[in-house]
Amino acid sequence: MKMALISDIHGNYPALLAVLGRIREENCDLIVSLGDVAGYYCMINECIDLCRKRSVVNILGNHDHYLAFGGECPRSTTVNMCINFQRRVISPENLRWLRESIREYRTRHCWFVHGGWNDPLDEYVNAFDFLRFSTCGAQVFASGHTHIQKIERKAPLTYVNPGSVGQPRDGNPGAAFAVIDSASVVSLCRVDYDIDGIASAMKRNGFERRFYEGLYDGTRIQQFDRTQSP
């Protein structure tokens, strides 16, 4: 089965539209989102509507959790400003879809989470622990959350972070995703998208330029409260 992995869409509809268009060309059988459809950008309903239309399987991310279950990010006022906006505009059916997100995606050969395997919501995987998972049976492991696209391999295991659809942070503004053909064939992909489109939508909804200017060079939001929160 050919599978596409997406992650960290964060309400950026033009980026998601471009990525799903490229995935359609790849003829993937399944699309799994590693979480965080919510957060940061204003087009949450458009993103969830499209995910529902394309039957995307969504793993719950930390921003999804804040929005779906009434929480706040303990680290960032900026994050909470975005979540509070989305809380006001999200439709009941889209909120229901978000609440029904799964906590992990696991098959005989795959094991995917949003953050990490100690804390699926909020752990950062900077270097995958191959030894820990060497006898669990799965061959392909994936997580998002860092917004940094990467592959690590130690045969027969592969770890992949598909990067972020909606807010890349590796200096490449192209929306990121991955395609899995098998445990040994994992491809990292990028696609250009209409950054001006999401920037204009953010401006229309009253967000300062700092919320979207980093999209043009693939960097994170500059936060006035000097905190960090993927």
C-alpha atoms as a PDB file:
ATOM      1  CA  MET A   1       0.000   0.000   0.000  1.00  0.00           C
ATOM      2  CA  LYS A   2       1.322   3.412  -0.953  1.00  0.00           C
ATOM      3  CA  MET A   3       0.855   5.934   1.842  1.00  0.00           C
ATOM      4  CA  ALA A   4       1.283   9.705   2.143  1.00  0.00           C
ATOM      5  CA  LEU A   5       2.316  11.302   5.425  1.00  0.00           C
ATOM      6  CA  ILE A   6       1.444  14.915   6.166  1.00  0.00           C
ATOM      7  CA  SER A   7       1.824  16.853   9.397  1.00  0.00           C
ATOM      8  CA  ASP A   8       1.479  20.253  11.045  1.00  0.00           C
ATOM      9  CA  ILE A   9      -0.969  21.809   8.597  1.00  0.00           C
ATOM     10  CA  HIS A  10      -1.808  24.519  11.151  1.00  0.00           C
ATOM     11  CA  GLY A  11      -4.755  26.069   9.330  1.00  0.00           C
ATOM     12  CA  ASN A  12      -2.744  26.857   6.191  1.00  0.00           C
ATOM     13  CA  TYR A  13      -5.239  25.936   3.488  1.00  0.00           C
ATOM     14  CA  PRO A  14      -3.258  26.985   0.378  1.00  0.00           C
ATOM     15  CA  ALA A  15      -0.360  24.793   1.535  1.00  0.00           C
ATOM     16  CA  LEU A  16      -2.649  21.821   2.214  1.00  0.00           C
ATOM     17  CA  LEU A  17      -4.382  22.238  -1.139  1.00  0.00           C
ATOM     18  CA  ALA A  18      -1.033  22.131  -2.961  1.00  0.00           C
ATOM     19  CA  VAL A  19       0.199  19.121  -1.001  1.00  0.00           C
ATOM     20  CA  LEU A  20      -2.964  17.087  -1.519  1.00  0.00           C
ATOM     21  CA  GLY A  21      -2.868  17.942  -5.199  1.00  0.00           C
ATOM     22  CA  ARG A  22       0.636  16.497  -5.472  1.00  0.00           C
ATOM     23  CA  ILE A  23      -0.371  13.464  -3.394  1.00  0.00           C
ATOM     24  CA  ARG A  24      -3.213  12.793  -5.815  1.00  0.00           C
ATOM     25  CA  GLU A  25      -0.628  12.649  -8.606  1.00  0.00           C
ATOM     26  CA  GLU A  26       1.312  10.078  -6.541  1.00  0.00           C
ATOM     27  CA  ASN A  27      -1.747   7.762  -6.494  1.00  0.00           C
ATOM     28  CA  CYS A  28      -1.480   7.070  -2.763  1.00  0.00           C
ATOM     29  CA  ASP A  29      -3.940   4.641  -1.207  1.00  0.00           C
ATOM     30  CA  LEU A  30      -4.010   6.334   2.204  1.00  0.00           C
ATOM     31  CA  ILE A  31      -3.195   9.741   3.670  1.00  0.00           C
ATOM     32  CA  VAL A  32      -2.237   9.935   7.347  1.00  0.00           C
ATOM     33  CA  SER A  33      -1.890  13.278   9.097  1.00  0.00           C
ATOM     34  CA  LEU A  34       0.509  13.207  12.036  1.00  0.00           C
ATOM     35  CA  GLY A  35      -1.508  15.934  13.701  1.00  0.00           C
ATOM     36  CA  ASP A  36      -1.848  19.665  14.243  1.00  0.00           C
ATOM     37  CA  VAL A  37      -4.389  20.516  11.603  1.00  0.00           C
ATOM     38  CA  ALA A  38      -5.177  23.303  14.083  1.00  0.00           C
ATOM     39  CA  GLY A  39      -3.139  26.284  15.235  1.00  0.00           C
ATOM     40  CA  TYR A  40      -1.236  29.287  13.822  1.00  0.00           C
ATOM     41  CA  TYR A  41      -3.235  30.208  10.695  1.00  0.00           C
ATOM     42  CA  CYS A  42      -6.825  31.212  10.152  1.00  0.00           C
ATOM     43  CA  MET A  43      -8.271  28.727   7.612  1.00  0.00           C
ATOM     44  CA  ILE A  44      -9.134  25.913  10.005  1.00  0.00           C
ATOM     45  CA  ASN A  45     -12.548  25.092   8.514  1.00  0.00           C
ATOM     46  CA  GLU A  46     -11.200  24.993   4.981  1.00  0.00           C
ATOM     47  CA  CYS A  47      -8.413  22.634   6.074  1.00  0.00           C
ATOM     48  CA  ILE A  48     -10.668  20.249   7.956  1.00  0.00           C
ATOM     49  CA  ASP A  49     -13.284  20.303   5.193  1.00  0.00           C
ATOM     50  CA  LEU A  50     -10.599  19.225   2.727  1.00  0.00           C
ATOM     51  CA  CYS A  51      -9.204  16.569   5.072  1.00  0.00           C
ATOM     52  CA  ARG A  52     -12.687  15.140   5.521  1.00  0.00           C
ATOM     53  CA  LYS A  53     -13.305  15.172   1.761  1.00  0.00           C
ATOM     54  CA  ARG A  54     -10.041  13.308   1.135  1.00  0.00           C
ATOM     55  CA  SER A  55     -10.648  10.836   4.028  1.00  0.00           C
ATOM     56  CA  VAL A  56      -7.437  11.867   5.778  1.00  0.00           C
ATOM     57  CA  VAL A  57      -6.743   9.917   8.975  1.00  0.00           C
ATOM     58  CA  ASN A  58      -5.713  12.444  11.642  1.00  0.00           C
ATOM     59  CA  ILE A  59      -3.587  11.738  14.701  1.00  0.00           C
ATOM     60  CA  LEU A  60      -4.255  14.213  17.512  1.00  0.00           C
ATOM     61  CA  GLY A  61      -1.573  16.893  17.832  1.00  0.00           C
ATOM     62  CA  ASN A  62      -0.987  19.288  20.709  1.00  0.00           C
ATOM     63  CA  HIS A  63      -2.645  22.220  18.896  1.00  0.00           C
ATOM     64  CA  ASP A  64      -5.534  19.953  17.932  1.00  0.00           C
ATOM     65  CA  HIS A  65      -5.869  19.045  21.599  1.00  0.00           C
ATOM     66  CA  TYR A  66      -5.920  22.706  22.693  1.00  0.00           C
ATOM     67  CA  LEU A  67      -8.687  23.496  20.225  1.00  0.00           C
ATOM     68  CA  ALA A  68     -10.740  20.330  20.553  1.00  0.00           C
ATOM     69  CA  PHE A  69     -10.741  20.021  24.322  1.00  0.00           C
ATOM     70  CA  GLY A  70     -10.560  23.603  25.571  1.00  0.00           C
ATOM     71  CA  GLY A  71      -6.939  23.764  26.656  1.00  0.00           C
ATOM     72  CA  GLU A  72      -4.233  26.380  26.224  1.00  0.00           C
ATOM     73  CA  CYS A  73      -0.558  26.208  25.416  1.00  0.00           C
ATOM     74  CA  PRO A  74       1.434  26.767  28.638  1.00  0.00           C
ATOM     75  CA  ARG A  75       4.398  28.204  26.733  1.00  0.00           C
ATOM     76  CA  SER A  76       3.080  30.776  24.302  1.00  0.00           C
ATOM     77  CA  THR A  77       0.635  33.661  24.185  1.00  0.00           C
ATOM     78  CA  THR A  78       1.048  33.683  20.407  1.00  0.00           C
ATOM     79  CA  VAL A  79      -0.177  30.097  20.101  1.00  0.00           C
ATOM     80  CA  ASN A  80      -3.158  30.860  22.317  1.00  0.00           C
ATOM     81  CA  MET A  81      -4.116  33.898  20.245  1.00  0.00           C
ATOM     82  CA  CYS A  82      -4.336  31.671  17.166  1.00  0.00           C
ATOM     83  CA  ILE A  83      -6.206  28.887  18.964  1.00  0.00           C
ATOM     84  CA  ASN A  84      -8.700  31.360  20.441  1.00  0.00           C
ATOM     85  CA  PHE A  85      -9.422  32.709  16.961  1.00  0.00           C
ATOM     86  CA  GLN A  86     -10.004  29.192  15.636  1.00  0.00           C
ATOM     87  CA  ARG A  87     -12.189  28.385  18.636  1.00  0.00           C
ATOM     88  CA  ARG A  88     -14.514  31.229  17.621  1.00  0.00           C
ATOM     89  CA  VAL A  89     -14.829  30.217  13.977  1.00  0.00           C
ATOM     90  CA  ILE A  90     -14.624  26.412  13.800  1.00  0.00           C
ATOM     91  CA  SER A  91     -17.861  24.703  12.760  1.00  0.00           C
ATOM     92  CA  PRO A  92     -19.486  22.128  15.079  1.00  0.00           C
ATOM     93  CA  GLU A  93     -18.962  19.294  12.593  1.00  0.00           C
ATOM     94  CA  ASN A  94     -15.289  20.164  12.155  1.00  0.00           C
ATOM     95  CA  LEU A  95     -14.781  20.378  15.901  1.00  0.00           C
ATOM     96  CA  ARG A  96     -16.365  16.932  16.180  1.00  0.00           C
ATOM     97  CA  TRP A  97     -13.982  15.582  13.523  1.00  0.00           C
ATOM     98  CA  LEU A  98     -11.018  16.989  15.417  1.00  0.00           C
ATOM     99  CA  ARG A  99     -12.196  15.441  18.672  1.00  0.00           C
ATOM    100  CA  GLU A 100     -12.426  12.066  16.957  1.00  0.00           C
ATOM    101  CA  SER A 101      -8.735  12.134  15.971  1.00  0.00           C
ATOM    102  CA  ILE A 102      -6.824   8.997  16.911  1.00  0.00           C
ATOM    103  CA  ARG A 103      -3.922   9.007  19.406  1.00  0.00           C
ATOM    104  CA  GLU A 104      -1.586   6.906  17.244  1.00  0.00           C
ATOM    105  CA  TYR A 105      -1.623   4.991  13.990  1.00  0.00           C
ATOM    106  CA  ARG A 106      -0.263   1.493  14.306  1.00  0.00           C
ATOM    107  CA  THR A 107      -0.206  -1.515  12.005  1.00  0.00           C
ATOM    108  CA  ARG A 108       2.003  -4.567  11.797  1.00  0.00           C
ATOM    109  CA  HIS A 109       4.671  -2.581   9.953  1.00  0.00           C
ATOM    110  CA  CYS A 110       4.046   1.072  10.941  1.00  0.00           C
ATOM    111  CA  TRP A 111       3.870   3.103  14.152  1.00  0.00           C
ATOM    112  CA  PHE A 112       3.067   6.807  13.901  1.00  0.00           C
ATOM    113  CA  VAL A 113       2.493   9.497  16.554  1.00  0.00           C
ATOM    114  CA  HIS A 114       2.424  13.290  16.589  1.00  0.00           C
ATOM    115  CA  GLY A 115       5.152  14.054  19.100  1.00  0.00           C
ATOM    116  CA  GLY A 116       7.065  11.051  20.401  1.00  0.00           C
ATOM    117  CA  TRP A 117       6.559   7.629  21.890  1.00  0.00           C
ATOM    118  CA  ASN A 118       6.985   8.788  25.501  1.00  0.00           C
ATOM    119  CA  ASP A 119       4.565  11.689  25.055  1.00  0.00           C
ATOM    120  CA  PRO A 120       2.541  11.393  21.833  1.00  0.00           C
ATOM    121  CA  LEU A 121       1.289  14.975  22.071  1.00  0.00           C
ATOM    122  CA  ASP A 122       4.294  17.044  23.033  1.00  0.00           C
ATOM    123  CA  GLU A 123       7.626  15.208  22.865  1.00  0.00           C
ATOM    124  CA  TYR A 124      10.274  16.320  20.370  1.00  0.00           C
ATOM    125  CA  VAL A 125      12.089  13.540  18.512  1.00  0.00           C
ATOM    126  CA  ASN A 126      15.429  14.975  17.451  1.00  0.00           C
ATOM    127  CA  ALA A 127      17.208  11.614  17.142  1.00  0.00           C
ATOM    128  CA  PHE A 128      15.264   8.375  16.866  1.00  0.00           C
ATOM    129  CA  ASP A 129      16.104   5.605  19.350  1.00  0.00           C
ATOM    130  CA  PHE A 130      16.510   2.633  17.018  1.00  0.00           C
ATOM    131  CA  LEU A 131      17.665   0.311  19.789  1.00  0.00           C
ATOM    132  CA  ARG A 132      14.500   0.849  21.803  1.00  0.00           C
ATOM    133  CA  PHE A 133      12.254  -0.188  18.918  1.00  0.00           C
ATOM    134  CA  SER A 134      14.407  -2.912  17.383  1.00  0.00           C
ATOM    135  CA  THR A 135      12.198  -5.772  18.606  1.00  0.00           C
ATOM    136  CA  CYS A 136       8.698  -4.250  18.467  1.00  0.00           C
ATOM    137  CA  GLY A 137       7.885  -5.617  15.015  1.00  0.00           C
ATOM    138  CA  ALA A 138       7.245  -2.355  13.184  1.00  0.00           C
ATOM    139  CA  GLN A 139       9.629  -1.175  10.478  1.00  0.00           C
ATOM    140  CA  VAL A 140       8.518   2.381   9.685  1.00  0.00           C
ATOM    141  CA  PHE A 141       8.169   4.964  12.453  1.00  0.00           C
ATOM    142  CA  ALA A 142       6.988   8.524  11.966  1.00  0.00           C
ATOM    143  CA  SER A 143       6.316  11.638  13.997  1.00  0.00           C
ATOM    144  CA  GLY A 144       5.834  15.331  13.305  1.00  0.00           C
ATOM    145  CA  HIS A 145       5.785  18.255  15.778  1.00  0.00           C
ATOM    146  CA  THR A 146       9.291  19.613  15.069  1.00  0.00           C
ATOM    147  CA  HIS A 147       8.402  20.982  11.606  1.00  0.00           C
ATOM    148  CA  ILE A 148      11.777  19.692  10.373  1.00  0.00           C
ATOM    149  CA  GLN A 149      11.763  17.175   7.531  1.00  0.00           C
ATOM    150  CA  LYS A 150      14.127  14.211   7.907  1.00  0.00           C
ATOM    151  CA  ILE A 151      14.741  10.511   7.381  1.00  0.00           C
ATOM    152  CA  GLU A 152      16.917   8.281   9.582  1.00  0.00           C
ATOM    153  CA  ARG A 153      17.644   4.657   8.722  1.00  0.00           C
ATOM    154  CA  LYS A 154      19.193   1.722  10.532  1.00  0.00           C
ATOM    155  CA  ALA A 155      18.216  -1.423   8.661  1.00  0.00           C
ATOM    156  CA  PRO A 156      15.616  -2.779   8.823  1.00  0.00           C
ATOM    157  CA  LEU A 157      14.073   0.264  10.562  1.00  0.00           C
ATOM    158  CA  THR A 158      13.243   3.677   9.108  1.00  0.00           C
ATOM    159  CA  TYR A 159      12.246   6.831  10.966  1.00  0.00           C
ATOM    160  CA  VAL A 160      10.658   9.702   9.045  1.00  0.00           C
ATOM    161  CA  ASN A 161       9.434  13.163   9.923  1.00  0.00           C
ATOM    162  CA  PRO A 162       7.518  14.453   6.888  1.00  0.00           C
ATOM    163  CA  GLY A 163       8.075  18.059   7.930  1.00  0.00           C
ATOM    164  CA  SER A 164       5.328  20.646   8.079  1.00  0.00           C
ATOM    165  CA  VAL A 165       2.676  21.321   5.463  1.00  0.00           C
ATOM    166  CA  GLY A 166       1.706  24.676   6.900  1.00  0.00           C
ATOM    167  CA  GLN A 167       4.786  26.108   8.612  1.00  0.00           C
ATOM    168  CA  PRO A 168       8.162  24.661   7.522  1.00  0.00           C
ATOM    169  CA  ARG A 169      11.058  25.617   9.786  1.00  0.00           C
ATOM    170  CA  ASP A 170      14.084  24.354   7.894  1.00  0.00           C
ATOM    171  CA  GLY A 171      14.677  27.396   5.717  1.00  0.00           C
ATOM    172  CA  ASN A 172      12.730  25.936   2.795  1.00  0.00           C
ATOM    173  CA  PRO A 173       9.293  27.572   2.360  1.00  0.00           C
ATOM    174  CA  GLY A 174       7.929  24.685   0.284  1.00  0.00           C
ATOM    175  CA  ALA A 175       5.122  22.709   1.932  1.00  0.00           C
ATOM    176  CA  ALA A 176       6.527  19.370   3.092  1.00  0.00           C
ATOM    177  CA  PHE A 177       5.229  15.806   3.093  1.00  0.00           C
ATOM    178  CA  ALA A 178       6.460  12.227   2.646  1.00  0.00           C
ATOM    179  CA  VAL A 179       5.456   9.203   0.602  1.00  0.00           C
ATOM    180  CA  ILE A 180       5.949   5.636   1.810  1.00  0.00           C
ATOM    181  CA  ASP A 181       6.022   2.805  -0.733  1.00  0.00           C
ATOM    182  CA  SER A 182       7.538   0.299   1.687  1.00  0.00           C
ATOM    183  CA  ALA A 183       9.858   0.212   4.693  1.00  0.00           C
ATOM    184  CA  SER A 184      12.806   0.660   2.358  1.00  0.00           C
ATOM    185  CA  VAL A 185      11.289   3.250   0.004  1.00  0.00           C
ATOM    186  CA  VAL A 186      10.416   6.497   1.774  1.00  0.00           C
ATOM    187  CA  SER A 187      10.550   9.769  -0.153  1.00  0.00           C
ATOM    188  CA  LEU A 188      10.621  13.301   1.214  1.00  0.00           C
ATOM    189  CA  CYS A 189       8.705  15.771  -0.947  1.00  0.00           C
ATOM    190  CA  ARG A 190       8.231  19.544  -1.195  1.00  0.00           C
ATOM    191  CA  VAL A 191       5.774  21.622  -3.182  1.00  0.00           C
ATOM    192  CA  ASP A 192       5.467  25.365  -3.758  1.00  0.00           C
ATOM    193  CA  TYR A 193       2.170  26.965  -2.812  1.00  0.00           C
ATOM    194  CA  ASP A 194       0.362  30.308  -2.678  1.00  0.00           C
ATOM    195  CA  ILE A 195       1.944  31.896   0.391  1.00  0.00           C
ATOM    196  CA  ASP A 196       0.386  35.246  -0.522  1.00  0.00           C
ATOM    197  CA  GLY A 197      -3.026  33.564  -0.236  1.00  0.00           C
ATOM    198  CA  ILE A 198      -2.653  32.591   3.410  1.00  0.00           C
ATOM    199  CA  ALA A 199      -0.852  35.850   4.228  1.00  0.00           C
ATOM    200  CA  SER A 200      -3.779  37.841   2.806  1.00  0.00           C
ATOM    201  CA  ALA A 201      -6.284  35.731   4.739  1.00  0.00           C
ATOM    202  CA  MET A 202      -4.377  36.322   7.970  1.00  0.00           C
ATOM    203  CA  LYS A 203      -4.228  40.058   7.320  1.00  0.00           C
ATOM    204  CA  ARG A 204      -7.972  40.194   6.618  1.00  0.00           C
ATOM    205  CA  ASN A 205      -8.617  38.498   9.936  1.00  0.00           C
ATOM    206  CA  GLY A 206      -6.590  41.043  11.892  1.00  0.00           C
ATOM    207  CA  PHE A 207      -3.320  39.196  12.447  1.00  0.00           C
ATOM    208  CA  GLU A 208      -0.057  41.133  12.504  1.00  0.00           C
ATOM    209  CA  ARG A 209       2.538  40.538   9.798  1.00  0.00           C
ATOM    210  CA  ARG A 210       4.773  38.625  12.221  1.00  0.00           C
ATOM    211  CA  PHE A 211       2.253  35.761  12.204  1.00  0.00           C
ATOM    212  CA  TYR A 212       2.837  34.983   8.524  1.00  0.00           C
ATOM    213  CA  GLU A 213       6.052  36.654   7.321  1.00  0.00           C
ATOM    214  CA  GLY A 214       8.173  33.623   8.254  1.00  0.00           C
ATOM    215  CA  LEU A 215       6.310  31.520   5.699  1.00  0.00           C
ATOM    216  CA  TYR A 216       8.213  33.257   2.928  1.00  0.00           C
ATOM    217  CA  ASP A 217      11.583  31.945   4.108  1.00  0.00           C
ATOM    218  CA  GLY A 218      10.592  28.776   5.954  1.00  0.00           C
ATOM    219  CA  THR A 219      10.968  29.999   9.533  1.00  0.00           C
ATOM    220  CA  ARG A 220       8.803  29.992  12.634  1.00  0.00           C
ATOM    221  CA  ILE A 221       6.566  32.803  13.872  1.00  0.00           C
ATOM    222  CA  GLN A 222       8.445  35.550  15.639  1.00  0.00           C
ATOM    223  CA  GLN A 223       6.819  35.625  19.043  1.00  0.00           C
ATOM    224  CA  PHE A 224       6.705  38.753  21.138  1.00  0.00           C
ATOM    225  CA  ASP A 225       6.562  36.688  24.323  1.00  0.00           C
ATOM    226  CA  ARG A 226       9.923  35.076  23.454  1.00  0.00           C
ATOM    227  CA  THR A 227       8.679  31.545  23.952  1.00  0.00           C
ATOM    228  CA  GLN A 228       8.904  28.499  21.723  1.00  0.00           C
ATOM    229  CA  SER A 229       5.988  26.228  20.909  1.00  0.00           C
ATOM    230  CA  PRO A 230       5.680  23.955  17.889  1.00  0.00           C
END
